[in-house]
């Protein structure tokens, strides 16, 4: 007879795998904030702390990419002057 290893269900803040993209920037920021709070609380076991860190790093990159994309759409640097982006017109 073999024993089966059971694992606890992941917590809400750790439910999404590191590679799963959030639906919006705002949801990513909310999830990242929740992860930081849980990590700072010292309540996570080491293995969950690593998963939270990986997810947080992914969310941070996601947010940076979204912000850069929006910034690129809003303004264009032209001879030192910021001008509105004309591509949307």
PDB file of N, CA and C in Angstrom:
ATOM      1  N   UNK A   1       0.852  -1.173   0.000  1.00  0.00           N
ATOM      2  CA  UNK A   1       0.000   0.000   0.000  1.00  0.00           C
ATOM      3  C   UNK A   1       0.900   1.239   0.000  1.00  0.00           C
ATOM      4  N   UNK A   2       0.576   2.217  -0.859  1.00  0.00           N
ATOM      5  CA  UNK A   2       1.370   3.439  -0.927  1.00  0.00           C
ATOM      6  C   UNK A   2       0.622   4.583  -0.275  1.00  0.00           C
ATOM      7  N   UNK A   3       1.367   5.432   0.331  1.00  0.00           N
ATOM      8  CA  UNK A   3       0.774   6.614   0.944  1.00  0.00           C
ATOM      9  C   UNK A   3       0.678   7.712  -0.099  1.00  0.00           C
ATOM     10  N   UNK A   4      -0.405   8.453  -0.049  1.00  0.00           N
ATOM     11  CA  UNK A   4      -0.542   9.607  -0.930  1.00  0.00           C
ATOM     12  C   UNK A   4      -0.291  10.853  -0.123  1.00  0.00           C
ATOM     13  N   UNK A   5       0.438  11.751  -0.706  1.00  0.00           N
ATOM     14  CA  UNK A   5       0.765  12.999  -0.026  1.00  0.00           C
ATOM     15  C   UNK A   5      -0.338  14.007  -0.296  1.00  0.00           C
ATOM     16  N   UNK A   6      -0.870  14.583   0.760  1.00  0.00           N
ATOM     17  CA  UNK A   6      -1.903  15.594   0.601  1.00  0.00           C
ATOM     18  C   UNK A   6      -1.284  16.953   0.843  1.00  0.00           C
ATOM     19  N   UNK A   7      -1.744  17.924   0.080  1.00  0.00           N
ATOM     20  CA  UNK A   7      -1.253  19.282   0.257  1.00  0.00           C
ATOM     21  C   UNK A   7      -2.402  20.189   0.611  1.00  0.00           C
ATOM     22  N   UNK A   8      -2.100  21.189   1.362  1.00  0.00           N
ATOM     23  CA  UNK A   8      -3.120  22.156   1.748  1.00  0.00           C
ATOM     24  C   UNK A   8      -3.490  23.012   0.546  1.00  0.00           C
ATOM     25  N   UNK A   9      -4.724  23.461   0.522  1.00  0.00           N
ATOM     26  CA  UNK A   9      -5.167  24.345  -0.552  1.00  0.00           C
ATOM     27  C   UNK A   9      -4.433  25.668  -0.435  1.00  0.00           C
ATOM     28  N   UNK A  10      -4.051  26.241  -1.561  1.00  0.00           N
ATOM     29  CA  UNK A  10      -3.344  27.524  -1.493  1.00  0.00           C
ATOM     30  C   UNK A  10      -4.250  28.622  -0.968  1.00  0.00           C
ATOM     31  N   UNK A  11      -3.639  29.618  -0.350  1.00  0.00           N
ATOM     32  CA  UNK A  11      -4.421  30.738   0.154  1.00  0.00           C
ATOM     33  C   UNK A  11      -4.883  31.606  -1.002  1.00  0.00           C
ATOM     34  N   UNK A  12      -5.822  32.505  -0.754  1.00  0.00           N
ATOM     35  CA  UNK A  12      -6.360  33.364  -1.808  1.00  0.00           C
ATOM     36  C   UNK A  12      -5.267  34.154  -2.512  1.00  0.00           C
ATOM     37  N   UNK A  13      -4.334  34.701  -1.758  1.00  0.00           N
ATOM     38  CA  UNK A  13      -3.293  35.536  -2.343  1.00  0.00           C
ATOM     39  C   UNK A  13      -2.293  34.726  -3.160  1.00  0.00           C
ATOM     40  N   UNK A  14      -2.249  33.424  -2.942  1.00  0.00           N
ATOM     41  CA  UNK A  14      -1.294  32.584  -3.648  1.00  0.00           C
ATOM     42  C   UNK A  14      -1.977  31.654  -4.639  1.00  0.00           C
ATOM     43  N   UNK A  15      -3.236  31.871  -4.905  1.00  0.00           N
ATOM     44  CA  UNK A  15      -3.996  30.946  -5.737  1.00  0.00           C
ATOM     45  C   UNK A  15      -3.546  30.936  -7.189  1.00  0.00           C
ATOM     46  N   UNK A  16      -3.164  32.074  -7.732  1.00  0.00           N
ATOM     47  CA  UNK A  16      -2.787  32.157  -9.135  1.00  0.00           C
ATOM     48  C   UNK A  16      -1.325  31.765  -9.306  1.00  0.00           C
ATOM     49  N   UNK A  17      -1.036  30.909 -10.285  1.00  0.00           N
ATOM     50  CA  UNK A  17       0.354  30.541 -10.529  1.00  0.00           C
ATOM     51  C   UNK A  17       1.152  31.740 -11.035  1.00  0.00           C
ATOM     52  N   UNK A  18       2.474  31.723 -10.886  1.00  0.00           N
ATOM     53  CA  UNK A  18       3.281  32.879 -11.271  1.00  0.00           C
ATOM     54  C   UNK A  18       3.080  33.341 -12.711  1.00  0.00           C
ATOM     55  N   UNK A  19       2.802  32.446 -13.635  1.00  0.00           N
ATOM     56  CA  UNK A  19       2.704  32.835 -15.036  1.00  0.00           C
ATOM     57  C   UNK A  19       1.310  33.300 -15.450  1.00  0.00           C
ATOM     58  N   UNK A  20       0.315  33.188 -14.622  1.00  0.00           N
ATOM     59  CA  UNK A  20      -1.049  33.597 -14.978  1.00  0.00           C
ATOM     60  C   UNK A  20      -1.189  35.112 -14.882  1.00  0.00           C
ATOM     61  N   UNK A  21      -1.570  35.740 -16.003  1.00  0.00           N
ATOM     62  CA  UNK A  21      -1.703  37.198 -16.028  1.00  0.00           C
ATOM     63  C   UNK A  21      -3.003  37.653 -15.398  1.00  0.00           C
ATOM     64  N   UNK A  22      -2.945  38.742 -14.630  1.00  0.00           N
ATOM     65  CA  UNK A  22      -4.173  39.316 -14.083  1.00  0.00           C
ATOM     66  C   UNK A  22      -5.005  39.926 -15.209  1.00  0.00           C
ATOM     67  N   UNK A  23      -6.267  40.157 -14.954  1.00  0.00           N
ATOM     68  CA  UNK A  23      -7.162  40.708 -15.972  1.00  0.00           C
ATOM     69  C   UNK A  23      -6.946  42.204 -16.201  1.00  0.00           C
ATOM     70  N   UNK A  24      -6.378  42.892 -15.212  1.00  0.00           N
ATOM     71  CA  UNK A  24      -6.152  44.328 -15.362  1.00  0.00           C
ATOM     72  C   UNK A  24      -4.988  44.768 -14.481  1.00  0.00           C
ATOM     73  N   UNK A  25      -4.514  45.973 -14.762  1.00  0.00           N
ATOM     74  CA  UNK A  25      -3.454  46.577 -13.958  1.00  0.00           C
ATOM     75  C   UNK A  25      -3.919  46.733 -12.507  1.00  0.00           C
ATOM     76  N   UNK A  26      -5.154  47.197 -12.338  1.00  0.00           N
ATOM     77  CA  UNK A  26      -5.675  47.441 -10.987  1.00  0.00           C
ATOM     78  C   UNK A  26      -5.744  46.152 -10.170  1.00  0.00           C
ATOM     79  N   UNK A  27      -6.162  45.062 -10.792  1.00  0.00           N
ATOM     80  CA  UNK A  27      -6.215  43.779 -10.089  1.00  0.00           C
ATOM     81  C   UNK A  27      -4.811  43.285  -9.757  1.00  0.00           C
ATOM     82  N   UNK A  28      -3.865  43.546 -10.640  1.00  0.00           N
ATOM     83  CA  UNK A  28      -2.481  43.151 -10.375  1.00  0.00           C
ATOM     84  C   UNK A  28      -1.927  43.901  -9.168  1.00  0.00           C
ATOM     85  N   UNK A  29      -2.207  45.188  -9.087  1.00  0.00           N
ATOM     86  CA  UNK A  29      -1.735  45.994  -7.958  1.00  0.00           C
ATOM     87  C   UNK A  29      -2.376  45.512  -6.658  1.00  0.00           C
ATOM     88  N   UNK A  30      -3.668  45.206  -6.693  1.00  0.00           N
ATOM     89  CA  UNK A  30      -4.350  44.701  -5.493  1.00  0.00           C
ATOM     90  C   UNK A  30      -3.743  43.376  -5.038  1.00  0.00           C
ATOM     91  N   UNK A  31      -3.507  42.477  -5.988  1.00  0.00           N
ATOM     92  CA  UNK A  31      -2.926  41.180  -5.635  1.00  0.00           C
ATOM     93  C   UNK A  31      -1.503  41.354  -5.109  1.00  0.00           C
ATOM     94  N   UNK A  32      -0.733  42.224  -5.730  1.00  0.00           N
ATOM     95  CA  UNK A  32       0.630  42.482  -5.287  1.00  0.00           C
ATOM     96  C   UNK A  32       0.642  43.056  -3.871  1.00  0.00           C
ATOM     97  N   UNK A  33      -0.261  43.973  -3.588  1.00  0.00           N
ATOM     98  CA  UNK A  33      -0.361  44.553  -2.248  1.00  0.00           C
ATOM     99  C   UNK A  33      -0.691  43.479  -1.214  1.00  0.00           C
ATOM    100  N   UNK A  34      -1.630  42.605  -1.550  1.00  0.00           N
ATOM    101  CA  UNK A  34      -2.000  41.520  -0.632  1.00  0.00           C
ATOM    102  C   UNK A  34      -0.819  40.575  -0.398  1.00  0.00           C
ATOM    103  N   UNK A  35      -0.073  40.283  -1.444  1.00  0.00           N
ATOM    104  CA  UNK A  35       1.099  39.415  -1.299  1.00  0.00           C
ATOM    105  C   UNK A  35       2.145  40.054  -0.387  1.00  0.00           C
ATOM    106  N   UNK A  36       2.410  41.319  -0.590  1.00  0.00           N
ATOM    107  CA  UNK A  36       3.404  42.019   0.231  1.00  0.00           C
ATOM    108  C   UNK A  36       2.983  42.002   1.694  1.00  0.00           C
ATOM    109  N   UNK A  37       1.719  42.270   1.956  1.00  0.00           N
ATOM    110  CA  UNK A  37       1.230  42.254   3.339  1.00  0.00           C
ATOM    111  C   UNK A  37       1.410  40.878   3.972  1.00  0.00           C
ATOM    112  N   UNK A  38       1.085  39.830   3.229  1.00  0.00           N
ATOM    113  CA  UNK A  38       1.232  38.475   3.771  1.00  0.00           C
ATOM    114  C   UNK A  38       2.695  38.135   3.996  1.00  0.00           C
ATOM    115  N   UNK A  39       3.554  38.543   3.065  1.00  0.00           N
ATOM    116  CA  UNK A  39       4.979  38.242   3.213  1.00  0.00           C
ATOM    117  C   UNK A  39       5.571  38.997   4.400  1.00  0.00           C
ATOM    118  N   UNK A  40       5.164  40.244   4.580  1.00  0.00           N
ATOM    119  CA  UNK A  40       5.677  41.049   5.686  1.00  0.00           C
ATOM    120  C   UNK A  40       5.151  40.592   7.038  1.00  0.00           C
ATOM    121  N   UNK A  41       4.043  39.880   7.058  1.00  0.00           N
ATOM    122  CA  UNK A  41       3.452  39.440   8.317  1.00  0.00           C
ATOM    123  C   UNK A  41       4.204  38.278   8.946  1.00  0.00           C
ATOM    124  N   UNK A  42       5.117  37.679   8.214  1.00  0.00           N
ATOM    125  CA  UNK A  42       5.892  36.525   8.696  1.00  0.00           C
ATOM    126  C   UNK A  42       5.002  35.342   9.028  1.00  0.00           C
ATOM    127  N   UNK A  43       3.865  35.241   8.386  1.00  0.00           N
ATOM    128  CA  UNK A  43       2.923  34.156   8.647  1.00  0.00           C
ATOM    129  C   UNK A  43       3.060  33.002   7.648  1.00  0.00           C
ATOM    130  N   UNK A  44       3.848  33.193   6.586  1.00  0.00           N
ATOM    131  CA  UNK A  44       3.944  32.185   5.536  1.00  0.00           C
ATOM    132  C   UNK A  44       5.084  31.212   5.800  1.00  0.00           C
ATOM    133  N   UNK A  45       4.827  29.920   5.581  1.00  0.00           N
ATOM    134  CA  UNK A  45       5.931  28.953   5.624  1.00  0.00           C
ATOM    135  C   UNK A  45       6.899  29.248   4.467  1.00  0.00           C
ATOM    136  N   UNK A  46       8.105  28.760   4.567  1.00  0.00           N
ATOM    137  CA  UNK A  46       9.147  29.055   3.598  1.00  0.00           C
ATOM    138  C   UNK A  46       8.745  28.708   2.166  1.00  0.00           C
ATOM    139  N   UNK A  47       8.123  27.563   1.944  1.00  0.00           N
ATOM    140  CA  UNK A  47       7.749  27.184   0.577  1.00  0.00           C
ATOM    141  C   UNK A  47       6.698  28.132   0.002  1.00  0.00           C
ATOM    142  N   UNK A  48       5.744  28.559   0.810  1.00  0.00           N
ATOM    143  CA  UNK A  48       4.732  29.511   0.338  1.00  0.00           C
ATOM    144  C   UNK A  48       5.338  30.910   0.157  1.00  0.00           C
ATOM    145  N   UNK A  49       6.326  31.230   0.954  1.00  0.00           N
ATOM    146  CA  UNK A  49       7.017  32.502   0.816  1.00  0.00           C
ATOM    147  C   UNK A  49       7.720  32.579  -0.543  1.00  0.00           C
ATOM    148  N   UNK A  50       8.327  31.484  -0.950  1.00  0.00           N
ATOM    149  CA  UNK A  50       8.989  31.441  -2.256  1.00  0.00           C
ATOM    150  C   UNK A  50       7.969  31.592  -3.385  1.00  0.00           C
ATOM    151  N   UNK A  51       6.842  30.912  -3.287  1.00  0.00           N
ATOM    152  CA  UNK A  51       5.787  31.036  -4.297  1.00  0.00           C
ATOM    153  C   UNK A  51       5.256  32.464  -4.344  1.00  0.00           C
ATOM    154  N   UNK A  52       5.073  33.066  -3.176  1.00  0.00           N
ATOM    155  CA  UNK A  52       4.586  34.446  -3.112  1.00  0.00           C
ATOM    156  C   UNK A  52       5.596  35.400  -3.744  1.00  0.00           C
ATOM    157  N   UNK A  53       6.873  35.177  -3.480  1.00  0.00           N
ATOM    158  CA  UNK A  53       7.918  36.022  -4.060  1.00  0.00           C
ATOM    159  C   UNK A  53       7.918  35.911  -5.592  1.00  0.00           C
ATOM    160  N   UNK A  54       7.815  34.691  -6.101  1.00  0.00           N
ATOM    161  CA  UNK A  54       7.797  34.482  -7.550  1.00  0.00           C
ATOM    162  C   UNK A  54       6.580  35.154  -8.184  1.00  0.00           C
ATOM    163  N   UNK A  55       5.435  35.007  -7.548  1.00  0.00           N
ATOM    164  CA  UNK A  55       4.218  35.637  -8.063  1.00  0.00           C
ATOM    165  C   UNK A  55       4.353  37.160  -8.010  1.00  0.00           C
ATOM    166  N   UNK A  56       4.893  37.666  -6.918  1.00  0.00           N
ATOM    167  CA  UNK A  56       5.080  39.101  -6.786  1.00  0.00           C
ATOM    168  C   UNK A  56       6.012  39.657  -7.846  1.00  0.00           C
ATOM    169  N   UNK A  57       7.086  38.947  -8.133  1.00  0.00           N
ATOM    170  CA  UNK A  57       8.020  39.387  -9.176  1.00  0.00           C
ATOM    171  C   UNK A  57       7.323  39.405 -10.529  1.00  0.00           C
ATOM    172  N   UNK A  58       6.490  38.400 -10.794  1.00  0.00           N
ATOM    173  CA  UNK A  58       5.746  38.367 -12.053  1.00  0.00           C
ATOM    174  C   UNK A  58       4.768  39.543 -12.132  1.00  0.00           C
ATOM    175  N   UNK A  59       4.032  39.786 -11.042  1.00  0.00           N
ATOM    176  CA  UNK A  59       3.061  40.883 -11.023  1.00  0.00           C
ATOM    177  C   UNK A  59       3.746  42.240 -11.188  1.00  0.00           C
ATOM    178  N   UNK A  60       4.898  42.397 -10.568  1.00  0.00           N
ATOM    179  CA  UNK A  60       5.641  43.646 -10.706  1.00  0.00           C
ATOM    180  C   UNK A  60       6.036  43.882 -12.162  1.00  0.00           C
ATOM    181  N   UNK A  61       6.521  42.855 -12.828  1.00  0.00           N
ATOM    182  CA  UNK A  61       6.858  42.968 -14.242  1.00  0.00           C
ATOM    183  C   UNK A  61       5.639  43.269 -15.096  1.00  0.00           C
ATOM    184  N   UNK A  62       4.515  42.632 -14.781  1.00  0.00           N
ATOM    185  CA  UNK A  62       3.262  42.871 -15.496  1.00  0.00           C
ATOM    186  C   UNK A  62       2.858  44.342 -15.370  1.00  0.00           C
ATOM    187  N   UNK A  63       2.919  44.871 -14.148  1.00  0.00           N
ATOM    188  CA  UNK A  63       2.543  46.268 -13.907  1.00  0.00           C
ATOM    189  C   UNK A  63       3.496  47.228 -14.626  1.00  0.00           C
ATOM    190  N   UNK A  64       4.779  46.953 -14.569  1.00  0.00           N
ATOM    191  CA  UNK A  64       5.750  47.802 -15.267  1.00  0.00           C
ATOM    192  C   UNK A  64       5.480  47.824 -16.767  1.00  0.00           C
ATOM    193  N   UNK A  65       5.208  46.655 -17.342  1.00  0.00           N
ATOM    194  CA  UNK A  65       4.922  46.576 -18.777  1.00  0.00           C
ATOM    195  C   UNK A  65       3.671  47.369 -19.140  1.00  0.00           C
ATOM    196  N   UNK A  66       2.634  47.250 -18.321  1.00  0.00           N
ATOM    197  CA  UNK A  66       1.393  47.984 -18.580  1.00  0.00           C
ATOM    198  C   UNK A  66       1.624  49.490 -18.505  1.00  0.00           C
ATOM    199  N   UNK A  67       2.335  49.928 -17.469  1.00  0.00           N
ATOM    200  CA  UNK A  67       2.617  51.357 -17.315  1.00  0.00           C
ATOM    201  C   UNK A  67       3.450  51.883 -18.479  1.00  0.00           C
ATOM    202  N   UNK A  68       4.452  51.121 -18.892  1.00  0.00           N
ATOM    203  CA  UNK A  68       5.290  51.549 -20.012  1.00  0.00           C
ATOM    204  C   UNK A  68       4.470  51.640 -21.294  1.00  0.00           C
ATOM    205  N   UNK A  69       3.588  50.693 -21.501  1.00  0.00           N
ATOM    206  CA  UNK A  69       2.734  50.701 -22.687  1.00  0.00           C
ATOM    207  C   UNK A  69       1.830  51.928 -22.712  1.00  0.00           C
ATOM    208  N   UNK A  70       1.249  52.245 -21.578  1.00  0.00           N
ATOM    209  CA  UNK A  70       0.383  53.422 -21.485  1.00  0.00           C
ATOM    210  C   UNK A  70       1.198  54.695 -21.680  1.00  0.00           C
ATOM    211  N   UNK A  71       2.360  54.749 -21.044  1.00  0.00           N
ATOM    212  CA  UNK A  71       3.213  55.926 -21.186  1.00  0.00           C
ATOM    213  C   UNK A  71       3.599  56.137 -22.647  1.00  0.00           C
ATOM    214  N   UNK A  72       3.923  55.067 -23.334  1.00  0.00           N
ATOM    215  CA  UNK A  72       4.283  55.164 -24.752  1.00  0.00           C
ATOM    216  C   UNK A  72       3.118  55.677 -25.591  1.00  0.00           C
ATOM    217  N   UNK A  73       1.913  55.365 -25.202  1.00  0.00           N
ATOM    218  CA  UNK A  73       0.733  55.804 -25.938  1.00  0.00           C
ATOM    219  C   UNK A  73       0.390  57.258 -25.650  1.00  0.00           C
ATOM    220  N   UNK A  74       0.714  57.749 -24.470  1.00  0.00           N
ATOM    221  CA  UNK A  74       0.311  59.093 -24.062  1.00  0.00           C
ATOM    222  C   UNK A  74       1.252  60.175 -24.569  1.00  0.00           C
ATOM    223  N   UNK A  75       2.542  59.916 -24.560  1.00  0.00           N
ATOM    224  CA  UNK A  75       3.475  60.986 -24.912  1.00  0.00           C
ATOM    225  C   UNK A  75       4.614  60.495 -25.786  1.00  0.00           C
ATOM    226  N   UNK A  76       5.153  61.426 -26.512  1.00  0.00           N
ATOM    227  CA  UNK A  76       6.309  61.171 -27.360  1.00  0.00           C
ATOM    228  C   UNK A  76       7.341  62.254 -27.052  1.00  0.00           C
ATOM    229  N   UNK A  77       8.560  61.849 -26.860  1.00  0.00           N
ATOM    230  CA  UNK A  77       9.624  62.805 -26.580  1.00  0.00           C
ATOM    231  C   UNK A  77      10.162  63.337 -27.908  1.00  0.00           C
ATOM    232  N   UNK A  78      10.042  64.655 -28.099  1.00  0.00           N
ATOM    233  CA  UNK A  78      10.461  65.279 -29.344  1.00  0.00           C
ATOM    234  C   UNK A  78      11.289  66.507 -29.024  1.00  0.00           C
ATOM    235  N   UNK A  79      12.596  66.437 -29.221  1.00  0.00           N
ATOM    236  CA  UNK A  79      13.517  67.530 -28.952  1.00  0.00           C
ATOM    237  C   UNK A  79      13.383  68.070 -27.523  1.00  0.00           C
ATOM    238  N   UNK A  80      13.263  67.184 -26.573  1.00  0.00           N
ATOM    239  CA  UNK A  80      13.204  67.583 -25.174  1.00  0.00           C
ATOM    240  C   UNK A  80      11.837  68.028 -24.690  1.00  0.00           C
ATOM    241  N   UNK A  81      10.857  68.089 -25.559  1.00  0.00           N
ATOM    242  CA  UNK A  81       9.503  68.512 -25.179  1.00  0.00           C
ATOM    243  C   UNK A  81       8.564  67.314 -25.215  1.00  0.00           C
ATOM    244  N   UNK A  82       7.758  67.181 -24.184  1.00  0.00           N
ATOM    245  CA  UNK A  82       6.750  66.126 -24.182  1.00  0.00           C
ATOM    246  C   UNK A  82       5.543  66.603 -24.964  1.00  0.00           C
ATOM    247  N   UNK A  83       5.153  65.814 -25.913  1.00  0.00           N
ATOM    248  CA  UNK A  83       3.995  66.157 -26.735  1.00  0.00           C
ATOM    249  C   UNK A  83       3.004  65.013 -26.681  1.00  0.00           C
ATOM    250  N   UNK A  84       1.719  65.294 -26.837  1.00  0.00           N
ATOM    251  CA  UNK A  84       0.720  64.212 -26.844  1.00  0.00           C
ATOM    252  C   UNK A  84       1.006  63.236 -27.973  1.00  0.00           C
ATOM    253  N   UNK A  85       0.729  61.978 -27.704  1.00  0.00           N
ATOM    254  CA  UNK A  85       0.914  60.942 -28.702  1.00  0.00           C
ATOM    255  C   UNK A  85      -0.156  61.077 -29.758  1.00  0.00           C
ATOM    256  N   UNK A  86       0.215  61.124 -31.029  1.00  0.00           N
ATOM    257  CA  UNK A  86      -0.722  61.325 -32.133  1.00  0.00           C
ATOM    258  C   UNK A  86      -1.234  60.028 -32.734  1.00  0.00           C
ATOM    259  N   UNK A  87      -0.731  58.885 -32.305  1.00  0.00           N
ATOM    260  CA  UNK A  87      -1.103  57.615 -32.901  1.00  0.00           C
ATOM    261  C   UNK A  87      -2.550  57.209 -32.687  1.00  0.00           C
ATOM    262  N   UNK A  88      -3.204  57.732 -31.678  1.00  0.00           N
ATOM    263  CA  UNK A  88      -4.581  57.331 -31.371  1.00  0.00           C
ATOM    264  C   UNK A  88      -5.588  58.064 -32.231  1.00  0.00           C
ATOM    265  N   UNK A  89      -5.179  59.128 -32.914  1.00  0.00           N
ATOM    266  CA  UNK A  89      -6.113  59.918 -33.703  1.00  0.00           C
ATOM    267  C   UNK A  89      -6.325  59.343 -35.071  1.00  0.00           C
TER     268      UNK A  89
END
